[in-house]
Amino acid sequence: MSMDNGGFASFALYHALHLHFTSKSYDYVKYNGKTNVTKDTFMRRKDKFTFYKLSRKYSIIELKDFFIANLLEKTDRWTNEFLGPESEDDYKKWQKRTQSLTYTFNNDIIELFNTLSDKDLGPEYLITVIDGQYPLLLNMMMQKEISIESLVVLDTLLNFFPMWEKKIDDTYVWPNIKMRCEKYKPFLNYDENKFKNILKEKMREHAEA
């Protein structure tokens, strides 16, 4: 995708990312952000001035992050809302989490293990599905007690999503969360070995407590 910014470029970026997060078949990374959207289509949109304003406020690189942050929160957000305080707040919160991802992950793992009040419960309990219900880890992410980033990292390290897919009874909320996480994975940059070592260290501390 072009690094130049402007109203159409901003809209084309949004269109590609929105398609990525909402479509099972479209992959932003695979297609390098390219779609069949045209300038004629853009010029007929009633919200085109929103994208002109966004292009003046952010660089194209910043705008990519801005859209990712917002799509993670709400894929059906009205485009006009991108100029409002809620969208800006979601972007700032996302920046805070991802720019200090090691800190975020470390704190989330501590929070997860603190919920295991029964010290006989091992860390595996966090991902255990009982009677088709949401596991503790998923519940805590849904309640925003831990970040979606930490959930994505943990699944990358432990690969429990396939097990959840088989055992969780819910066929609406969980599948949407799973898709959102899997679509988010390509945009998260971190040292996998470093995060694996953080997890191992916290597991050791929990076992010794």
Foldseek 3Di string as FASTA:
>chain_A
DDQAAALVLLVLLLVLLLCLLPPPPRACVVVVSDDPDDPVNLVPDPCSVLSRVVRVVDGSVLSNLLSLLVCLVPSPDDSNCCPPPVSVVSSVVSCVCQVPVVVQLLVLLVVLLVVCVPLVDASVQQCDQDQQDHGNVVVCCVVVVHDLVNVLLVCVVVVCVVVNVVRHPDDPPVVSSVSNSVSCVVVRDDDSVVSVVSNVVSSVVSNVD
